[in-house]
Amino acid sequence: MKRIEAVLDKVLEDAFNAAMATLKEEASRVVAATLKGALEARLKALLEEEEATPTSTPTLRAKAKAQASPLSVEEEATPKTTPRRRKAKAQAQAPVQDDLESILEGVRVALQKYSGITTPKGKAYSDVLFRRVRKVLEHAEGSGHDNLALLARDALAYIATDPRSVAMGSWQYLAGKLGLPVPISQA
């Protein structure tokens, strides 16, 4: 019995070592590709900056004089502002906020994994869960929630942890679990 355990331990150790080597290679490829992209972007930014403002590098004495001399009152009143390149680039790459219909279509596709399961009344889980999420997103949009895609992802994550309680509950239950203000029911 101990021999079998020793052999199994050896096999597992070899498999683990092979998997670690493979992971190291994949990680190094991913990091290299990322660093290459970042380096290319940085070089392009530097080259554009150098082409825009060809200035000579100051000598050590000039730097020391600039640090030693205080700024004049006019210079303090109107500081020089330069546009931030990273922020502008990030804003240009930021995706446009999706509309409710496209988000709901993605939710419908994500909930298809529950299509074979039914509630005690015979309704498909995917349909019931979709109605819950749709009502929560409509409520959030009416309440002024600005990131519906993030809210839909949170709802899908919560549904994945406990689909039965969401299907058997109401949309207010799901909204409360997501941290949205729940309207008081009217009697």
C-alpha atoms as a PDB file:
ATOM      1  CA  MET A   1       0.000   0.000   0.000  1.00  0.00           C
ATOM      2  CA  LYS A   2       2.843   2.376   0.838  1.00  0.00           C
ATOM      3  CA  ARG A   3       4.513   1.600  -2.477  1.00  0.00           C
ATOM      4  CA  ILE A   4       1.369   2.549  -4.367  1.00  0.00           C
ATOM      5  CA  GLU A   5       1.136   5.790  -2.421  1.00  0.00           C
ATOM      6  CA  ALA A   6       4.799   6.524  -3.122  1.00  0.00           C
ATOM      7  CA  VAL A   7       4.317   5.871  -6.843  1.00  0.00           C
ATOM      8  CA  LEU A   8       1.181   8.037  -6.907  1.00  0.00           C
ATOM      9  CA  ASP A   9       3.020  10.802  -5.044  1.00  0.00           C
ATOM     10  CA  LYS A  10       5.852  10.624  -7.583  1.00  0.00           C
ATOM     11  CA  VAL A  11       3.405  10.745 -10.514  1.00  0.00           C
ATOM     12  CA  LEU A  12       1.575  13.711  -8.985  1.00  0.00           C
ATOM     13  CA  GLU A  13       4.847  15.500  -8.308  1.00  0.00           C
ATOM     14  CA  ASP A  14       6.007  14.980 -11.908  1.00  0.00           C
ATOM     15  CA  ALA A  15       2.661  16.193 -13.235  1.00  0.00           C
ATOM     16  CA  PHE A  16       2.831  19.221 -10.964  1.00  0.00           C
ATOM     17  CA  ASN A  17       6.357  20.070 -12.112  1.00  0.00           C
ATOM     18  CA  ALA A  18       5.361  19.724 -15.774  1.00  0.00           C
ATOM     19  CA  ALA A  19       2.309  21.929 -15.212  1.00  0.00           C
ATOM     20  CA  MET A  20       4.414  24.551 -13.426  1.00  0.00           C
ATOM     21  CA  ALA A  21       6.924  24.610 -16.285  1.00  0.00           C
ATOM     22  CA  THR A  22       4.112  25.054 -18.795  1.00  0.00           C
ATOM     23  CA  LEU A  23       2.561  27.819 -16.705  1.00  0.00           C
ATOM     24  CA  LYS A  24       5.894  29.603 -16.406  1.00  0.00           C
ATOM     25  CA  GLU A  25       6.337  29.531 -20.182  1.00  0.00           C
ATOM     26  CA  GLU A  26       2.801  30.811 -20.794  1.00  0.00           C
ATOM     27  CA  ALA A  27       3.177  33.522 -18.163  1.00  0.00           C
ATOM     28  CA  SER A  28       6.475  34.671 -19.627  1.00  0.00           C
ATOM     29  CA  ARG A  29       4.895  34.864 -23.110  1.00  0.00           C
ATOM     30  CA  VAL A  30       1.959  36.881 -21.786  1.00  0.00           C
ATOM     31  CA  VAL A  31       4.207  39.233 -19.833  1.00  0.00           C
ATOM     32  CA  ALA A  32       6.542  39.655 -22.804  1.00  0.00           C
ATOM     33  CA  ALA A  33       3.663  40.500 -25.121  1.00  0.00           C
ATOM     34  CA  THR A  34       2.235  42.987 -22.626  1.00  0.00           C
ATOM     35  CA  LEU A  35       5.588  44.624 -22.021  1.00  0.00           C
ATOM     36  CA  LYS A  36       6.247  44.804 -25.753  1.00  0.00           C
ATOM     37  CA  GLY A  37       2.936  46.612 -26.301  1.00  0.00           C
ATOM     38  CA  ALA A  38       3.589  48.989 -23.424  1.00  0.00           C
ATOM     39  CA  LEU A  39       7.111  49.678 -24.653  1.00  0.00           C
ATOM     40  CA  GLU A  40       5.899  50.407 -28.180  1.00  0.00           C
ATOM     41  CA  ALA A  41       3.221  52.783 -26.865  1.00  0.00           C
ATOM     42  CA  ARG A  42       5.740  54.551 -24.643  1.00  0.00           C
ATOM     43  CA  LEU A  43       8.229  54.919 -27.495  1.00  0.00           C
ATOM     44  CA  LYS A  44       5.541  56.343 -29.779  1.00  0.00           C
ATOM     45  CA  ALA A  45       4.541  58.833 -27.089  1.00  0.00           C
ATOM     46  CA  LEU A  46       8.156  59.855 -26.540  1.00  0.00           C
ATOM     47  CA  LEU A  47       8.820  60.238 -30.253  1.00  0.00           C
ATOM     48  CA  GLU A  48       5.684  62.346 -30.711  1.00  0.00           C
ATOM     49  CA  GLU A  49       6.676  64.477 -27.726  1.00  0.00           C
ATOM     50  CA  GLU A  50      10.220  65.002 -29.012  1.00  0.00           C
ATOM     51  CA  GLU A  51       8.952  65.946 -32.466  1.00  0.00           C
ATOM     52  CA  ALA A  52       6.505  68.441 -30.971  1.00  0.00           C
ATOM     53  CA  THR A  53       8.990  70.230 -28.675  1.00  0.00           C
ATOM     54  CA  PRO A  54      12.623  70.037 -29.756  1.00  0.00           C
ATOM     55  CA  THR A  55      14.475  71.517 -26.768  1.00  0.00           C
ATOM     56  CA  SER A  56      17.987  71.086 -25.578  1.00  0.00           C
ATOM     57  CA  THR A  57      18.628  69.403 -22.267  1.00  0.00           C
ATOM     58  CA  PRO A  58      19.634  71.862 -19.560  1.00  0.00           C
ATOM     59  CA  THR A  59      23.048  71.613 -17.975  1.00  0.00           C
ATOM     60  CA  LEU A  60      23.524  70.861 -14.309  1.00  0.00           C
ATOM     61  CA  ARG A  61      24.204  74.552 -13.590  1.00  0.00           C
ATOM     62  CA  ALA A  62      21.009  75.636 -15.311  1.00  0.00           C
ATOM     63  CA  LYS A  63      19.052  73.087 -13.288  1.00  0.00           C
ATOM     64  CA  ALA A  64      20.628  74.284 -10.049  1.00  0.00           C
ATOM     65  CA  LYS A  65      19.864  77.932 -10.870  1.00  0.00           C
ATOM     66  CA  ALA A  66      16.273  77.108 -11.691  1.00  0.00           C
ATOM     67  CA  GLN A  67      15.859  75.310  -8.372  1.00  0.00           C
ATOM     68  CA  ALA A  68      17.553  78.078  -6.411  1.00  0.00           C
ATOM     69  CA  SER A  69      15.648  81.026  -7.903  1.00  0.00           C
ATOM     70  CA  PRO A  70      12.098  81.492  -6.611  1.00  0.00           C
ATOM     71  CA  LEU A  71       9.224  81.893  -9.063  1.00  0.00           C
ATOM     72  CA  SER A  72       8.027  85.361  -9.835  1.00  0.00           C
ATOM     73  CA  VAL A  73       4.525  86.476  -8.815  1.00  0.00           C
ATOM     74  CA  GLU A  74       3.246  86.305 -12.401  1.00  0.00           C
ATOM     75  CA  GLU A  75       4.501  82.768 -12.860  1.00  0.00           C
ATOM     76  CA  GLU A  76       2.850  81.702  -9.595  1.00  0.00           C
ATOM     77  CA  ALA A  77      -0.463  83.260 -10.603  1.00  0.00           C
ATOM     78  CA  THR A  78      -0.573  81.525 -13.990  1.00  0.00           C
ATOM     79  CA  PRO A  79       0.946  78.069 -13.707  1.00  0.00           C
ATOM     80  CA  LYS A  80       1.677  76.239 -16.911  1.00  0.00           C
ATOM     81  CA  THR A  81      -0.689  73.401 -17.598  1.00  0.00           C
ATOM     82  CA  THR A  82       0.030  70.577 -19.958  1.00  0.00           C
ATOM     83  CA  PRO A  83      -2.562  68.080 -21.111  1.00  0.00           C
ATOM     84  CA  ARG A  84      -2.312  64.672 -19.507  1.00  0.00           C
ATOM     85  CA  ARG A  85      -1.655  62.141 -22.202  1.00  0.00           C
ATOM     86  CA  ARG A  86      -2.603  59.046 -20.211  1.00  0.00           C
ATOM     87  CA  LYS A  87      -5.963  60.406 -19.190  1.00  0.00           C
ATOM     88  CA  ALA A  88      -6.818  61.450 -22.743  1.00  0.00           C
ATOM     89  CA  LYS A  89      -5.774  58.051 -24.058  1.00  0.00           C
ATOM     90  CA  ALA A  90      -7.834  56.276 -21.389  1.00  0.00           C
ATOM     91  CA  GLN A  91     -10.869  58.379 -22.219  1.00  0.00           C
ATOM     92  CA  ALA A  92     -10.469  57.619 -25.910  1.00  0.00           C
ATOM     93  CA  GLN A  93     -10.315  53.892 -25.195  1.00  0.00           C
ATOM     94  CA  ALA A  94     -13.202  53.859 -22.695  1.00  0.00           C
ATOM     95  CA  PRO A  95     -16.127  51.871 -24.074  1.00  0.00           C
ATOM     96  CA  VAL A  96     -19.416  53.591 -24.673  1.00  0.00           C
ATOM     97  CA  GLN A  97     -22.060  52.715 -22.078  1.00  0.00           C
ATOM     98  CA  ASP A  98     -24.259  49.985 -23.507  1.00  0.00           C
ATOM     99  CA  ASP A  99     -27.956  50.509 -23.729  1.00  0.00           C
ATOM    100  CA  LEU A 100     -30.406  48.434 -21.721  1.00  0.00           C
ATOM    101  CA  GLU A 101     -31.495  46.252 -24.648  1.00  0.00           C
ATOM    102  CA  SER A 102     -27.978  45.034 -25.484  1.00  0.00           C
ATOM    103  CA  ILE A 103     -27.273  44.346 -21.808  1.00  0.00           C
ATOM    104  CA  LEU A 104     -30.502  42.376 -21.502  1.00  0.00           C
ATOM    105  CA  GLU A 105     -29.606  40.352 -24.582  1.00  0.00           C
ATOM    106  CA  GLY A 106     -26.321  39.402 -22.936  1.00  0.00           C
ATOM    107  CA  VAL A 107     -28.166  38.496 -19.739  1.00  0.00           C
ATOM    108  CA  ARG A 108     -30.572  36.280 -21.727  1.00  0.00           C
ATOM    109  CA  VAL A 109     -27.635  34.431 -23.288  1.00  0.00           C
ATOM    110  CA  ALA A 110     -25.925  34.006 -19.910  1.00  0.00           C
ATOM    111  CA  LEU A 111     -29.088  32.594 -18.322  1.00  0.00           C
ATOM    112  CA  GLN A 112     -29.517  29.909 -20.990  1.00  0.00           C
ATOM    113  CA  LYS A 113     -27.584  27.496 -18.782  1.00  0.00           C
ATOM    114  CA  TYR A 114     -30.704  27.285 -16.573  1.00  0.00           C
ATOM    115  CA  SER A 115     -33.053  26.427 -19.465  1.00  0.00           C
ATOM    116  CA  GLY A 116     -33.531  22.754 -18.496  1.00  0.00           C
ATOM    117  CA  ILE A 117     -34.626  23.522 -14.923  1.00  0.00           C
ATOM    118  CA  THR A 118     -38.207  24.444 -14.034  1.00  0.00           C
ATOM    119  CA  THR A 119     -39.916  25.992 -11.021  1.00  0.00           C
ATOM    120  CA  PRO A 120     -42.553  24.021  -9.085  1.00  0.00           C
ATOM    121  CA  LYS A 121     -45.195  25.763 -11.229  1.00  0.00           C
ATOM    122  CA  GLY A 122     -43.494  24.513 -14.423  1.00  0.00           C
ATOM    123  CA  LYS A 123     -41.883  27.767 -15.603  1.00  0.00           C
ATOM    124  CA  ALA A 124     -38.338  27.696 -16.976  1.00  0.00           C
ATOM    125  CA  TYR A 125     -35.693  29.099 -14.623  1.00  0.00           C
ATOM    126  CA  SER A 126     -34.048  31.005 -17.462  1.00  0.00           C
ATOM    127  CA  ASP A 127     -37.273  32.925 -18.189  1.00  0.00           C
ATOM    128  CA  VAL A 128     -38.024  33.635 -14.535  1.00  0.00           C
ATOM    129  CA  LEU A 129     -34.469  34.761 -13.785  1.00  0.00           C
ATOM    130  CA  PHE A 130     -34.416  36.936 -16.902  1.00  0.00           C
ATOM    131  CA  ARG A 131     -37.596  38.714 -15.794  1.00  0.00           C
ATOM    132  CA  ARG A 132     -36.064  39.328 -12.358  1.00  0.00           C
ATOM    133  CA  VAL A 133     -32.882  40.809 -13.801  1.00  0.00           C
ATOM    134  CA  ARG A 134     -34.779  42.876 -16.404  1.00  0.00           C
ATOM    135  CA  LYS A 135     -37.025  44.403 -13.729  1.00  0.00           C
ATOM    136  CA  VAL A 136     -34.009  45.155 -11.483  1.00  0.00           C
ATOM    137  CA  LEU A 137     -32.151  46.847 -14.359  1.00  0.00           C
ATOM    138  CA  GLU A 138     -35.215  48.878 -15.340  1.00  0.00           C
ATOM    139  CA  HIS A 139     -35.605  49.942 -11.700  1.00  0.00           C
ATOM    140  CA  ALA A 140     -31.909  50.865 -11.512  1.00  0.00           C
ATOM    141  CA  GLU A 141     -32.121  52.860 -14.739  1.00  0.00           C
ATOM    142  CA  GLY A 142     -35.159  54.726 -13.403  1.00  0.00           C
ATOM    143  CA  SER A 143     -33.313  55.392 -10.148  1.00  0.00           C
ATOM    144  CA  GLY A 144     -30.405  56.959 -12.018  1.00  0.00           C
ATOM    145  CA  HIS A 145     -27.901  54.102 -11.707  1.00  0.00           C
ATOM    146  CA  ASP A 146     -25.165  54.894 -14.239  1.00  0.00           C
ATOM    147  CA  ASN A 147     -23.454  51.536 -14.836  1.00  0.00           C
ATOM    148  CA  LEU A 148     -26.094  48.986 -15.800  1.00  0.00           C
ATOM    149  CA  ALA A 149     -23.568  46.558 -17.290  1.00  0.00           C
ATOM    150  CA  LEU A 150     -21.760  46.262 -13.963  1.00  0.00           C
ATOM    151  CA  LEU A 151     -25.056  45.817 -12.148  1.00  0.00           C
ATOM    152  CA  ALA A 152     -26.058  43.065 -14.605  1.00  0.00           C
ATOM    153  CA  ARG A 153     -22.752  41.272 -13.979  1.00  0.00           C
ATOM    154  CA  ASP A 154     -23.313  41.494 -10.237  1.00  0.00           C
ATOM    155  CA  ALA A 155     -26.842  40.123 -10.643  1.00  0.00           C
ATOM    156  CA  LEU A 156     -25.574  37.201 -12.733  1.00  0.00           C
ATOM    157  CA  ALA A 157     -22.879  36.486 -10.149  1.00  0.00           C
ATOM    158  CA  TYR A 158     -25.448  36.434  -7.362  1.00  0.00           C
ATOM    159  CA  ILE A 159     -27.781  34.236  -9.411  1.00  0.00           C
ATOM    160  CA  ALA A 160     -24.916  31.805  -9.998  1.00  0.00           C
ATOM    161  CA  THR A 161     -24.494  31.410  -6.233  1.00  0.00           C
ATOM    162  CA  ASP A 162     -28.181  30.855  -5.448  1.00  0.00           C
ATOM    163  CA  PRO A 163     -30.468  30.596  -8.496  1.00  0.00           C
ATOM    164  CA  ARG A 164     -33.310  28.929  -6.616  1.00  0.00           C
ATOM    165  CA  SER A 165     -33.825  31.728  -4.085  1.00  0.00           C
ATOM    166  CA  VAL A 166     -33.759  34.361  -6.847  1.00  0.00           C
ATOM    167  CA  ALA A 167     -36.235  32.402  -8.988  1.00  0.00           C
ATOM    168  CA  MET A 168     -38.568  31.825  -6.037  1.00  0.00           C
ATOM    169  CA  GLY A 169     -38.197  35.383  -4.749  1.00  0.00           C
ATOM    170  CA  SER A 170     -39.189  38.676  -6.284  1.00  0.00           C
ATOM    171  CA  TRP A 171     -37.217  41.254  -8.211  1.00  0.00           C
ATOM    172  CA  GLN A 172     -37.174  43.369  -5.037  1.00  0.00           C
ATOM    173  CA  TYR A 173     -35.321  40.524  -3.294  1.00  0.00           C
ATOM    174  CA  LEU A 174     -32.644  40.558  -6.006  1.00  0.00           C
ATOM    175  CA  ALA A 175     -32.468  44.367  -5.954  1.00  0.00           C
ATOM    176  CA  GLY A 176     -31.955  44.303  -2.183  1.00  0.00           C
ATOM    177  CA  LYS A 177     -29.171  41.716  -2.506  1.00  0.00           C
ATOM    178  CA  LEU A 178     -27.437  43.944  -5.080  1.00  0.00           C
ATOM    179  CA  GLY A 179     -27.615  46.974  -2.784  1.00  0.00           C
ATOM    180  CA  LEU A 180     -30.222  48.924  -4.718  1.00  0.00           C
ATOM    181  CA  PRO A 181     -32.903  50.887  -2.903  1.00  0.00           C
ATOM    182  CA  VAL A 182     -35.994  48.690  -2.779  1.00  0.00           C
ATOM    183  CA  PRO A 183     -39.372  50.399  -3.173  1.00  0.00           C
ATOM    184  CA  ILE A 184     -41.856  49.935  -0.363  1.00  0.00           C
ATOM    185  CA  SER A 185     -44.656  47.634  -1.459  1.00  0.00           C
ATOM    186  CA  GLN A 186     -48.062  49.218  -1.727  1.00  0.00           C
ATOM    187  CA  ALA A 187     -50.789  47.645   0.388  1.00  0.00           C
END
